[in-house]
Amino acid sequence: MGDDVTALLIALACENADLREQLATAQDMLMETAIDAGNLHALIEAMVVERDVWRAEAERLGAKGVRRV
């Protein structure tokens, strides 16, 4: 192999290694984002349930004509 071909192969191997590292980093970040999104979704669902409970309680108290001060 000529020196030019060897240099080209080394350069390609280095670039490939760098791209693989960048891909691994991006995959890690994507996984963290997916986990965060799942946690946020669960939190929103819990808040919706809590809101519905409060709303039902307010409607129940309103139907009875009870007012809290």
N, C-alpha and C. Protein backbone atom coordinates (compact mmCIF):
# COMPACT_ATOMS: atom_id res chain seq x y z
N MET A 1 0.84 -1.17 0.00
CA MET A 1 0.00 0.00 0.00
C MET A 1 0.88 1.23 0.00
N GLY A 2 0.43 2.20 -0.74
CA GLY A 2 1.18 3.44 -0.79
C GLY A 2 0.92 4.27 0.46
N ASP A 3 1.80 5.21 0.68
CA ASP A 3 1.66 6.08 1.86
C ASP A 3 0.36 6.87 1.82
N ASP A 4 -0.07 7.27 0.64
CA ASP A 4 -1.31 8.03 0.51
C ASP A 4 -2.52 7.19 0.92
N VAL A 5 -2.53 5.94 0.48
CA VAL A 5 -3.64 5.04 0.80
C VAL A 5 -3.66 4.76 2.30
N THR A 6 -2.48 4.53 2.87
CA THR A 6 -2.39 4.27 4.30
C THR A 6 -2.88 5.48 5.10
N ALA A 7 -2.48 6.66 4.70
CA ALA A 7 -2.90 7.88 5.38
C ALA A 7 -4.42 8.06 5.26
N LEU A 8 -4.95 7.74 4.08
CA LEU A 8 -6.39 7.87 3.87
C LEU A 8 -7.15 6.88 4.75
N LEU A 9 -6.67 5.65 4.84
CA LEU A 9 -7.32 4.64 5.68
C LEU A 9 -7.25 5.03 7.16
N ILE A 10 -6.14 5.57 7.59
CA ILE A 10 -6.01 6.01 8.99
C ILE A 10 -6.98 7.18 9.25
N ALA A 11 -7.04 8.11 8.32
CA ALA A 11 -7.95 9.24 8.48
C ALA A 11 -9.40 8.78 8.53
N LEU A 12 -9.77 7.84 7.66
CA LEU A 12 -11.12 7.30 7.67
C LEU A 12 -11.43 6.55 8.96
N ALA A 13 -10.46 5.79 9.45
CA ALA A 13 -10.65 5.05 10.69
C ALA A 13 -10.84 6.02 11.87
N CYS A 14 -10.06 7.09 11.89
CA CYS A 14 -10.20 8.10 12.97
C CYS A 14 -11.56 8.79 12.89
N GLU A 15 -11.96 9.15 11.68
CA GLU A 15 -13.26 9.81 11.52
C GLU A 15 -14.39 8.86 11.90
N ASN A 16 -14.27 7.61 11.52
CA ASN A 16 -15.28 6.62 11.87
C ASN A 16 -15.38 6.47 13.38
N ALA A 17 -14.25 6.42 14.06
CA ALA A 17 -14.26 6.30 15.52
C ALA A 17 -14.90 7.53 16.16
N ASP A 18 -14.60 8.71 15.63
CA ASP A 18 -15.19 9.94 16.15
C ASP A 18 -16.71 9.94 15.93
N LEU A 19 -17.14 9.51 14.76
CA LEU A 19 -18.58 9.48 14.48
C LEU A 19 -19.30 8.46 15.35
N ARG A 20 -18.65 7.35 15.61
CA ARG A 20 -19.25 6.34 16.50
C ARG A 20 -19.40 6.90 17.93
N GLU A 21 -18.40 7.65 18.36
CA GLU A 21 -18.47 8.26 19.69
C GLU A 21 -19.61 9.29 19.75
N GLN A 22 -19.73 10.09 18.70
CA GLN A 22 -20.82 11.07 18.64
C GLN A 22 -22.18 10.38 18.62
N LEU A 23 -22.28 9.29 17.89
CA LEU A 23 -23.53 8.54 17.84
C LEU A 23 -23.89 7.98 19.22
N ALA A 24 -22.91 7.42 19.90
CA ALA A 24 -23.16 6.88 21.24
C ALA A 24 -23.62 7.99 22.20
N THR A 25 -23.01 9.16 22.10
CA THR A 25 -23.41 10.29 22.93
C THR A 25 -24.84 10.71 22.61
N ALA A 26 -25.16 10.79 21.33
CA ALA A 26 -26.52 11.17 20.91
C ALA A 26 -27.54 10.14 21.38
N GLN A 27 -27.18 8.87 21.32
CA GLN A 27 -28.09 7.82 21.78
C GLN A 27 -28.33 7.92 23.29
N ASP A 28 -27.28 8.21 24.04
CA ASP A 28 -27.43 8.40 25.48
C ASP A 28 -28.35 9.58 25.79
N MET A 29 -28.14 10.68 25.07
CA MET A 29 -28.97 11.86 25.29
C MET A 29 -30.42 11.57 24.92
N LEU A 30 -30.63 10.83 23.85
CA LEU A 30 -31.98 10.48 23.44
C LEU A 30 -32.67 9.60 24.48
N MET A 31 -31.92 8.67 25.04
CA MET A 31 -32.49 7.80 26.07
C MET A 31 -32.86 8.61 27.31
N GLU A 32 -32.00 9.53 27.72
CA GLU A 32 -32.30 10.39 28.86
C GLU A 32 -33.53 11.25 28.59
N THR A 33 -33.65 11.75 27.37
CA THR A 33 -34.81 12.56 27.00
C THR A 33 -36.08 11.72 27.04
N ALA A 34 -36.01 10.50 26.56
CA ALA A 34 -37.17 9.61 26.58
C ALA A 34 -37.60 9.31 28.02
N ILE A 35 -36.64 9.09 28.89
CA ILE A 35 -36.94 8.83 30.30
C ILE A 35 -37.59 10.06 30.93
N ASP A 36 -37.01 11.24 30.66
CA ASP A 36 -37.58 12.48 31.19
C ASP A 36 -39.00 12.68 30.67
N ALA A 37 -39.22 12.41 29.40
CA ALA A 37 -40.56 12.56 28.82
C ALA A 37 -41.55 11.60 29.48
N GLY A 38 -41.12 10.38 29.75
CA GLY A 38 -41.98 9.42 30.44
C GLY A 38 -42.33 9.89 31.83
N ASN A 39 -41.34 10.43 32.53
CA ASN A 39 -41.59 10.94 33.89
C ASN A 39 -42.55 12.13 33.85
N LEU A 40 -42.37 13.02 32.90
CA LEU A 40 -43.26 14.16 32.77
C LEU A 40 -44.68 13.71 32.43
N HIS A 41 -44.79 12.73 31.56
CA HIS A 41 -46.11 12.21 31.20
C HIS A 41 -46.81 11.65 32.43
N ALA A 42 -46.09 10.88 33.23
CA ALA A 42 -46.68 10.32 34.45
C ALA A 42 -47.10 11.43 35.41
N LEU A 43 -46.29 12.46 35.54
CA LEU A 43 -46.62 13.59 36.41
C LEU A 43 -47.87 14.31 35.91
N ILE A 44 -47.95 14.52 34.62
CA ILE A 44 -49.14 15.18 34.05
C ILE A 44 -50.38 14.33 34.29
N GLU A 45 -50.27 13.04 34.09
CA GLU A 45 -51.41 12.15 34.33
C GLU A 45 -51.86 12.23 35.78
N ALA A 46 -50.91 12.25 36.71
CA ALA A 46 -51.25 12.35 38.14
C ALA A 46 -51.92 13.68 38.44
N MET A 47 -51.45 14.74 37.82
CA MET A 47 -52.06 16.05 38.04
C MET A 47 -53.47 16.11 37.46
N VAL A 48 -53.70 15.46 36.33
CA VAL A 48 -55.03 15.42 35.75
C VAL A 48 -55.99 14.68 36.68
N VAL A 49 -55.53 13.58 37.23
CA VAL A 49 -56.36 12.82 38.18
C VAL A 49 -56.68 13.69 39.40
N GLU A 50 -55.66 14.36 39.93
CA GLU A 50 -55.87 15.23 41.10
C GLU A 50 -56.83 16.36 40.76
N ARG A 51 -56.68 16.96 39.58
CA ARG A 51 -57.59 18.02 39.15
C ARG A 51 -59.02 17.51 39.08
N ASP A 52 -59.20 16.31 38.54
CA ASP A 52 -60.54 15.75 38.41
C ASP A 52 -61.17 15.50 39.78
N VAL A 53 -60.35 15.07 40.73
CA VAL A 53 -60.85 14.85 42.10
C VAL A 53 -61.29 16.18 42.70
N TRP A 54 -60.47 17.21 42.56
CA TRP A 54 -60.83 18.53 43.09
C TRP A 54 -62.08 19.05 42.41
N ARG A 55 -62.17 18.87 41.10
CA ARG A 55 -63.34 19.35 40.36
C ARG A 55 -64.61 18.63 40.83
N ALA A 56 -64.52 17.32 41.00
CA ALA A 56 -65.67 16.55 41.48
C ALA A 56 -66.07 17.00 42.88
N GLU A 57 -65.10 17.26 43.72
CA GLU A 57 -65.39 17.73 45.08
C GLU A 57 -66.06 19.11 45.04
N ALA A 58 -65.58 19.98 44.18
CA ALA A 58 -66.18 21.31 44.05
C ALA A 58 -67.61 21.21 43.55
N GLU A 59 -67.84 20.34 42.58
CA GLU A 59 -69.20 20.16 42.07
C GLU A 59 -70.11 19.56 43.14
N ARG A 60 -69.59 18.62 43.91
CA ARG A 60 -70.38 18.01 44.98
C ARG A 60 -70.76 19.05 46.01
N LEU A 61 -69.79 19.86 46.42
CA LEU A 61 -70.07 20.90 47.40
C LEU A 61 -71.00 21.97 46.82
N GLY A 62 -70.84 22.27 45.56
CA GLY A 62 -71.71 23.26 44.92
C GLY A 62 -73.14 22.75 44.83
N ALA A 63 -73.32 21.47 44.58
CA ALA A 63 -74.65 20.89 44.49
C ALA A 63 -75.36 20.91 45.84
N LYS A 64 -74.60 20.82 46.92
CA LYS A 64 -75.18 20.84 48.26
C LYS A 64 -75.42 22.27 48.74
N GLY A 65 -74.90 23.23 47.99
CA GLY A 65 -75.04 24.62 48.41
C GLY A 65 -74.12 24.99 49.54
N VAL A 66 -73.06 24.20 49.74
CA VAL A 66 -72.12 24.45 50.81
C VAL A 66 -71.03 25.35 50.30
N ARG A 67 -70.73 26.35 51.08
CA ARG A 67 -69.61 27.24 50.71
C ARG A 67 -68.61 27.23 51.83
N ARG A 68 -67.37 27.12 51.44
CA ARG A 68 -66.28 27.18 52.43
C ARG A 68 -65.63 28.53 52.32
N VAL A 69 -65.26 29.07 53.45
CA VAL A 69 -64.60 30.38 53.47
C VAL A 69 -63.19 30.22 53.91
